[in-house]
PDB file of N, CA and C in Angstrom:
ATOM      1  N   UNK A   1       0.847  -1.170   0.000  1.00  0.00           N
ATOM      2  CA  UNK A   1       0.000   0.000   0.000  1.00  0.00           C
ATOM      3  C   UNK A   1       0.896   1.237   0.000  1.00  0.00           C
ATOM      4  N   UNK A   2       0.522   2.213  -0.813  1.00  0.00           N
ATOM      5  CA  UNK A   2       1.282   3.451  -0.885  1.00  0.00           C
ATOM      6  C   UNK A   2       0.848   4.409   0.214  1.00  0.00           C
ATOM      7  N   UNK A   3       1.827   5.076   0.795  1.00  0.00           N
ATOM      8  CA  UNK A   3       1.574   6.085   1.825  1.00  0.00           C
ATOM      9  C   UNK A   3       2.423   7.307   1.528  1.00  0.00           C
ATOM     10  N   UNK A   4       2.033   8.428   2.115  1.00  0.00           N
ATOM     11  CA  UNK A   4       2.813   9.655   2.035  1.00  0.00           C
ATOM     12  C   UNK A   4       3.181  10.050   3.458  1.00  0.00           C
ATOM     13  N   UNK A   5       4.408  10.572   3.622  1.00  0.00           N
ATOM     14  CA  UNK A   5       4.879  10.995   4.934  1.00  0.00           C
ATOM     15  C   UNK A   5       4.928  12.522   4.945  1.00  0.00           C
ATOM     16  N   UNK A   6       4.143  13.103   5.838  1.00  0.00           N
ATOM     17  CA  UNK A   6       4.090  14.552   5.992  1.00  0.00           C
ATOM     18  C   UNK A   6       4.998  14.970   7.146  1.00  0.00           C
ATOM     19  N   UNK A   7       5.663  16.109   6.986  1.00  0.00           N
ATOM     20  CA  UNK A   7       6.475  16.662   8.075  1.00  0.00           C
ATOM     21  C   UNK A   7       5.908  18.026   8.437  1.00  0.00           C
ATOM     22  N   UNK A   8       5.503  18.170   9.688  1.00  0.00           N
ATOM     23  CA  UNK A   8       4.978  19.433  10.189  1.00  0.00           C
ATOM     24  C   UNK A   8       5.994  20.049  11.148  1.00  0.00           C
ATOM     25  N   UNK A   9       6.162  21.365  11.058  1.00  0.00           N
ATOM     26  CA  UNK A   9       7.045  22.092  11.963  1.00  0.00           C
ATOM     27  C   UNK A   9       6.194  23.013  12.825  1.00  0.00           C
ATOM     28  N   UNK A  10       6.542  23.083  14.107  1.00  0.00           N
ATOM     29  CA  UNK A  10       5.797  23.941  15.025  1.00  0.00           C
ATOM     30  C   UNK A  10       6.793  24.733  15.867  1.00  0.00           C
ATOM     31  N   UNK A  11       6.720  26.078  15.804  1.00  0.00           N
ATOM     32  CA  UNK A  11       7.614  26.872  16.654  1.00  0.00           C
ATOM     33  C   UNK A  11       7.245  26.698  18.119  1.00  0.00           C
ATOM     34  N   UNK A  12       8.268  26.606  18.977  1.00  0.00           N
ATOM     35  CA  UNK A  12       7.987  26.388  20.399  1.00  0.00           C
ATOM     36  C   UNK A  12       8.309  27.592  21.261  1.00  0.00           C
ATOM     37  N   UNK A  13       8.996  28.599  20.677  1.00  0.00           N
ATOM     38  CA  UNK A  13       9.290  29.810  21.448  1.00  0.00           C
ATOM     39  C   UNK A  13       9.580  30.956  20.488  1.00  0.00           C
ATOM     40  N   UNK A  14       9.906  32.107  21.018  1.00  0.00           N
ATOM     41  CA  UNK A  14      10.162  33.291  20.202  1.00  0.00           C
ATOM     42  C   UNK A  14      11.531  33.286  19.529  1.00  0.00           C
ATOM     43  N   UNK A  15      12.368  32.315  19.845  1.00  0.00           N
ATOM     44  CA  UNK A  15      13.710  32.247  19.274  1.00  0.00           C
ATOM     45  C   UNK A  15      13.767  31.441  17.980  1.00  0.00           C
ATOM     46  N   UNK A  16      12.653  30.907  17.543  1.00  0.00           N
ATOM     47  CA  UNK A  16      12.611  30.168  16.290  1.00  0.00           C
ATOM     48  C   UNK A  16      12.897  28.684  16.409  1.00  0.00           C
ATOM     49  N   UNK A  17      12.988  28.157  17.630  1.00  0.00           N
ATOM     50  CA  UNK A  17      13.198  26.715  17.791  1.00  0.00           C
ATOM     51  C   UNK A  17      11.937  25.968  17.376  1.00  0.00           C
ATOM     52  N   UNK A  18      12.120  24.814  16.764  1.00  0.00           N
ATOM     53  CA  UNK A  18      11.001  24.055  16.220  1.00  0.00           C
ATOM     54  C   UNK A  18      10.910  22.659  16.801  1.00  0.00           C
ATOM     55  N   UNK A  19       9.692  22.146  16.861  1.00  0.00           N
ATOM     56  CA  UNK A  19       9.434  20.730  17.093  1.00  0.00           C
ATOM     57  C   UNK A  19       8.873  20.186  15.790  1.00  0.00           C
ATOM     58  N   UNK A  20       9.096  18.899  15.539  1.00  0.00           N
ATOM     59  CA  UNK A  20       8.638  18.296  14.306  1.00  0.00           C
ATOM     60  C   UNK A  20       7.654  17.167  14.611  1.00  0.00           C
ATOM     61  N   UNK A  21       6.688  17.023  13.724  1.00  0.00           N
ATOM     62  CA  UNK A  21       5.759  15.907  13.784  1.00  0.00           C
ATOM     63  C   UNK A  21       5.702  15.291  12.396  1.00  0.00           C
ATOM     64  N   UNK A  22       5.916  13.996  12.323  1.00  0.00           N
ATOM     65  CA  UNK A  22       5.791  13.256  11.067  1.00  0.00           C
ATOM     66  C   UNK A  22       4.489  12.479  11.122  1.00  0.00           C
ATOM     67  N   UNK A  23       3.705  12.568  10.038  1.00  0.00           N
ATOM     68  CA  UNK A  23       2.454  11.831   9.963  1.00  0.00           C
ATOM     69  C   UNK A  23       2.460  10.990   8.699  1.00  0.00           C
ATOM     70  N   UNK A  24       1.985   9.764   8.822  1.00  0.00           N
ATOM     71  CA  UNK A  24       1.908   8.851   7.695  1.00  0.00           C
ATOM     72  C   UNK A  24       0.450   8.771   7.262  1.00  0.00           C
ATOM     73  N   UNK A  25       0.209   9.063   5.983  1.00  0.00           N
ATOM     74  CA  UNK A  25      -1.148   9.043   5.457  1.00  0.00           C
ATOM     75  C   UNK A  25      -1.269   8.095   4.273  1.00  0.00           C
ATOM     76  N   UNK A  26      -2.430   7.502   4.141  1.00  0.00           N
ATOM     77  CA  UNK A  26      -2.705   6.571   3.043  1.00  0.00           C
ATOM     78  C   UNK A  26      -2.947   7.365   1.761  1.00  0.00           C
ATOM     79  N   UNK A  27      -2.435   6.839   0.641  1.00  0.00           N
ATOM     80  CA  UNK A  27      -2.663   7.444  -0.670  1.00  0.00           C
ATOM     81  C   UNK A  27      -3.670   6.577  -1.399  1.00  0.00           C
ATOM     82  N   UNK A  28      -4.716   7.065  -2.015  1.00  0.00           N
ATOM     83  CA  UNK A  28      -5.143   8.468  -2.049  1.00  0.00           C
ATOM     84  C   UNK A  28      -5.956   8.809  -0.811  1.00  0.00           C
ATOM     85  N   UNK A  29      -6.199  10.069  -0.624  1.00  0.00           N
ATOM     86  CA  UNK A  29      -7.047  10.520   0.468  1.00  0.00           C
ATOM     87  C   UNK A  29      -6.302  11.126   1.627  1.00  0.00           C
ATOM     88  N   UNK A  30      -5.149  10.581   1.990  1.00  0.00           N
ATOM     89  CA  UNK A  30      -4.341  11.155   3.048  1.00  0.00           C
ATOM     90  C   UNK A  30      -4.796  10.845   4.458  1.00  0.00           C
ATOM     91  N   UNK A  31      -5.644   9.826   4.647  1.00  0.00           N
ATOM     92  CA  UNK A  31      -6.059   9.460   6.008  1.00  0.00           C
ATOM     93  C   UNK A  31      -4.838   9.110   6.846  1.00  0.00           C
ATOM     94  N   UNK A  32      -4.666   9.797   7.974  1.00  0.00           N
ATOM     95  CA  UNK A  32      -3.499   9.602   8.835  1.00  0.00           C
ATOM     96  C   UNK A  32      -3.631   8.277   9.583  1.00  0.00           C
ATOM     97  N   UNK A  33      -2.593   7.444   9.476  1.00  0.00           N
ATOM     98  CA  UNK A  33      -2.622   6.144  10.148  1.00  0.00           C
ATOM     99  C   UNK A  33      -1.605   6.048  11.286  1.00  0.00           C
ATOM    100  N   UNK A  34      -0.610   6.953  11.311  1.00  0.00           N
ATOM    101  CA  UNK A  34       0.406   6.895  12.364  1.00  0.00           C
ATOM    102  C   UNK A  34       1.085   8.255  12.471  1.00  0.00           C
ATOM    103  N   UNK A  35       1.434   8.646  13.692  1.00  0.00           N
ATOM    104  CA  UNK A  35       2.099   9.922  13.950  1.00  0.00           C
ATOM    105  C   UNK A  35       3.347   9.681  14.793  1.00  0.00           C
ATOM    106  N   UNK A  36       4.430  10.370  14.429  1.00  0.00           N
ATOM    107  CA  UNK A  36       5.686  10.325  15.176  1.00  0.00           C
ATOM    108  C   UNK A  36       6.045  11.758  15.556  1.00  0.00           C
ATOM    109  N   UNK A  37       6.418  11.974  16.804  1.00  0.00           N
ATOM    110  CA  UNK A  37       6.732  13.309  17.298  1.00  0.00           C
ATOM    111  C   UNK A  37       8.214  13.411  17.644  1.00  0.00           C
ATOM    112  N   UNK A  38       8.844  14.496  17.191  1.00  0.00           N
ATOM    113  CA  UNK A  38      10.246  14.775  17.516  1.00  0.00           C
ATOM    114  C   UNK A  38      10.259  15.985  18.446  1.00  0.00           C
ATOM    115  N   UNK A  39      10.408  15.779  19.755  1.00  0.00           N
ATOM    116  CA  UNK A  39      10.417  16.914  20.685  1.00  0.00           C
ATOM    117  C   UNK A  39      11.698  17.728  20.540  1.00  0.00           C
ATOM    118  N   UNK A  40      11.601  19.011  20.836  1.00  0.00           N
ATOM    119  CA  UNK A  40      12.776  19.882  20.750  1.00  0.00           C
ATOM    120  C   UNK A  40      13.758  19.548  21.863  1.00  0.00           C
ATOM    121  N   UNK A  41      15.039  19.539  21.496  1.00  0.00           N
ATOM    122  CA  UNK A  41      16.131  19.383  22.459  1.00  0.00           C
ATOM    123  C   UNK A  41      17.219  20.374  22.072  1.00  0.00           C
ATOM    124  N   UNK A  42      17.816  21.036  23.061  1.00  0.00           N
ATOM    125  CA  UNK A  42      18.915  21.950  22.759  1.00  0.00           C
ATOM    126  C   UNK A  42      20.120  21.184  22.242  1.00  0.00           C
ATOM    127  N   UNK A  43      20.369  20.030  22.807  1.00  0.00           N
ATOM    128  CA  UNK A  43      21.500  19.189  22.404  1.00  0.00           C
ATOM    129  C   UNK A  43      20.953  17.917  21.760  1.00  0.00           C
ATOM    130  N   UNK A  44      21.464  17.563  20.616  1.00  0.00           N
ATOM    131  CA  UNK A  44      21.120  16.278  20.026  1.00  0.00           C
ATOM    132  C   UNK A  44      19.835  16.237  19.226  1.00  0.00           C
ATOM    133  N   UNK A  45      19.333  17.382  18.796  1.00  0.00           N
ATOM    134  CA  UNK A  45      18.083  17.405  18.029  1.00  0.00           C
ATOM    135  C   UNK A  45      18.215  16.621  16.730  1.00  0.00           C
ATOM    136  N   UNK A  46      19.346  16.786  16.021  1.00  0.00           N
ATOM    137  CA  UNK A  46      19.547  16.082  14.757  1.00  0.00           C
ATOM    138  C   UNK A  46      19.577  14.576  14.962  1.00  0.00           C
ATOM    139  N   UNK A  47      20.232  14.136  16.026  1.00  0.00           N
ATOM    140  CA  UNK A  47      20.300  12.698  16.308  1.00  0.00           C
ATOM    141  C   UNK A  47      18.912  12.152  16.631  1.00  0.00           C
ATOM    142  N   UNK A  48      18.121  12.914  17.373  1.00  0.00           N
ATOM    143  CA  UNK A  48      16.770  12.476  17.712  1.00  0.00           C
ATOM    144  C   UNK A  48      15.919  12.377  16.456  1.00  0.00           C
ATOM    145  N   UNK A  49      16.042  13.351  15.563  1.00  0.00           N
ATOM    146  CA  UNK A  49      15.259  13.311  14.324  1.00  0.00           C
ATOM    147  C   UNK A  49      15.681  12.133  13.450  1.00  0.00           C
ATOM    148  N   UNK A  50      16.976  11.862  13.369  1.00  0.00           N
ATOM    149  CA  UNK A  50      17.445  10.694  12.603  1.00  0.00           C
ATOM    150  C   UNK A  50      16.906   9.398  13.192  1.00  0.00           C
ATOM    151  N   UNK A  51      16.835   9.327  14.518  1.00  0.00           N
ATOM    152  CA  UNK A  51      16.298   8.138  15.184  1.00  0.00           C
ATOM    153  C   UNK A  51      14.816   7.960  14.841  1.00  0.00           C
ATOM    154  N   UNK A  52      14.049   9.047  14.842  1.00  0.00           N
ATOM    155  CA  UNK A  52      12.632   8.972  14.508  1.00  0.00           C
ATOM    156  C   UNK A  52      12.449   8.558  13.050  1.00  0.00           C
ATOM    157  N   UNK A  53      13.277   9.091  12.153  1.00  0.00           N
ATOM    158  CA  UNK A  53      13.194   8.703  10.739  1.00  0.00           C
ATOM    159  C   UNK A  53      13.499   7.220  10.576  1.00  0.00           C
ATOM    160  N   UNK A  54      14.461   6.702  11.327  1.00  0.00           N
ATOM    161  CA  UNK A  54      14.755   5.269  11.297  1.00  0.00           C
ATOM    162  C   UNK A  54      13.551   4.471  11.798  1.00  0.00           C
ATOM    163  N   UNK A  55      12.874   4.960  12.848  1.00  0.00           N
ATOM    164  CA  UNK A  55      11.677   4.283  13.350  1.00  0.00           C
ATOM    165  C   UNK A  55      10.562   4.304  12.308  1.00  0.00           C
ATOM    166  N   UNK A  56      10.421   5.421  11.599  1.00  0.00           N
ATOM    167  CA  UNK A  56       9.403   5.508  10.546  1.00  0.00           C
ATOM    168  C   UNK A  56       9.701   4.492   9.448  1.00  0.00           C
ATOM    169  N   UNK A  57      10.967   4.436   9.013  1.00  0.00           N
ATOM    170  CA  UNK A  57      11.341   3.474   7.971  1.00  0.00           C
ATOM    171  C   UNK A  57      11.093   2.043   8.419  1.00  0.00           C
ATOM    172  N   UNK A  58      11.400   1.734   9.667  1.00  0.00           N
ATOM    173  CA  UNK A  58      11.150   0.393  10.199  1.00  0.00           C
ATOM    174  C   UNK A  58       9.644   0.096  10.223  1.00  0.00           C
ATOM    175  N   UNK A  59       8.845   1.069  10.635  1.00  0.00           N
ATOM    176  CA  UNK A  59       7.388   0.897  10.671  1.00  0.00           C
ATOM    177  C   UNK A  59       6.844   0.640   9.266  1.00  0.00           C
ATOM    178  N   UNK A  60       7.332   1.415   8.279  1.00  0.00           N
ATOM    179  CA  UNK A  60       6.870   1.235   6.905  1.00  0.00           C
ATOM    180  C   UNK A  60       7.220  -0.160   6.387  1.00  0.00           C
ATOM    181  N   UNK A  61       8.452  -0.584   6.633  1.00  0.00           N
ATOM    182  CA  UNK A  61       8.905  -1.893   6.162  1.00  0.00           C
ATOM    183  C   UNK A  61       8.139  -3.021   6.854  1.00  0.00           C
ATOM    184  N   UNK A  62       7.957  -2.890   8.162  1.00  0.00           N
ATOM    185  CA  UNK A  62       7.280  -3.911   8.964  1.00  0.00           C
ATOM    186  C   UNK A  62       5.834  -4.116   8.516  1.00  0.00           C
ATOM    187  N   UNK A  63       5.181  -3.040   8.078  1.00  0.00           N
ATOM    188  CA  UNK A  63       3.776  -3.111   7.704  1.00  0.00           C
ATOM    189  C   UNK A  63       3.546  -3.180   6.193  1.00  0.00           C
ATOM    190  N   UNK A  64       4.612  -3.269   5.429  1.00  0.00           N
ATOM    191  CA  UNK A  64       4.501  -3.415   3.983  1.00  0.00           C
ATOM    192  C   UNK A  64       4.049  -2.160   3.249  1.00  0.00           C
ATOM    193  N   UNK A  65       4.332  -0.992   3.833  1.00  0.00           N
ATOM    194  CA  UNK A  65       3.955   0.263   3.204  1.00  0.00           C
ATOM    195  C   UNK A  65       5.077   0.757   2.311  1.00  0.00           C
ATOM    196  N   UNK A  66       4.698   1.491   1.262  1.00  0.00           N
ATOM    197  CA  UNK A  66       5.663   2.087   0.331  1.00  0.00           C
ATOM    198  C   UNK A  66       5.488   3.593   0.358  1.00  0.00           C
ATOM    199  N   UNK A  67       6.484   4.336   0.843  1.00  0.00           N
ATOM    200  CA  UNK A  67       6.406   5.802   0.883  1.00  0.00           C
ATOM    201  C   UNK A  67       6.600   6.343  -0.531  1.00  0.00           C
ATOM    202  N   UNK A  68       5.673   7.171  -0.983  1.00  0.00           N
ATOM    203  CA  UNK A  68       5.739   7.720  -2.340  1.00  0.00           C
ATOM    204  C   UNK A  68       6.484   9.059  -2.387  1.00  0.00           C
ATOM    205  N   UNK A  69       6.934   9.541  -1.222  1.00  0.00           N
ATOM    206  CA  UNK A  69       7.714  10.772  -1.173  1.00  0.00           C
ATOM    207  C   UNK A  69       8.961  10.563  -0.326  1.00  0.00           C
ATOM    208  N   UNK A  70       9.925  11.463  -0.505  1.00  0.00           N
ATOM    209  CA  UNK A  70      11.124  11.404   0.334  1.00  0.00           C
ATOM    210  C   UNK A  70      10.918  12.298   1.530  1.00  0.00           C
ATOM    211  N   UNK A  71      11.393  11.866   2.675  1.00  0.00           N
ATOM    212  CA  UNK A  71      11.228  12.656   3.895  1.00  0.00           C
ATOM    213  C   UNK A  71      12.507  12.663   4.683  1.00  0.00           C
TER     214      UNK A  71
END
């Protein structure tokens, strides 16, 4: 089954720091089937985001989903 992975950014303060949320939606229609949240961290934000992306890839592979976009 084809899915699309959406990345949402949300500012958390006046300094421009962001939190990220990844949502997996079914194609066509975009019904959200799973959400992954990347909380803001002053140290190690990139490593945390890479870890979440690895979890998303594992989830897609485990459930037989095919992402139609790059994320």
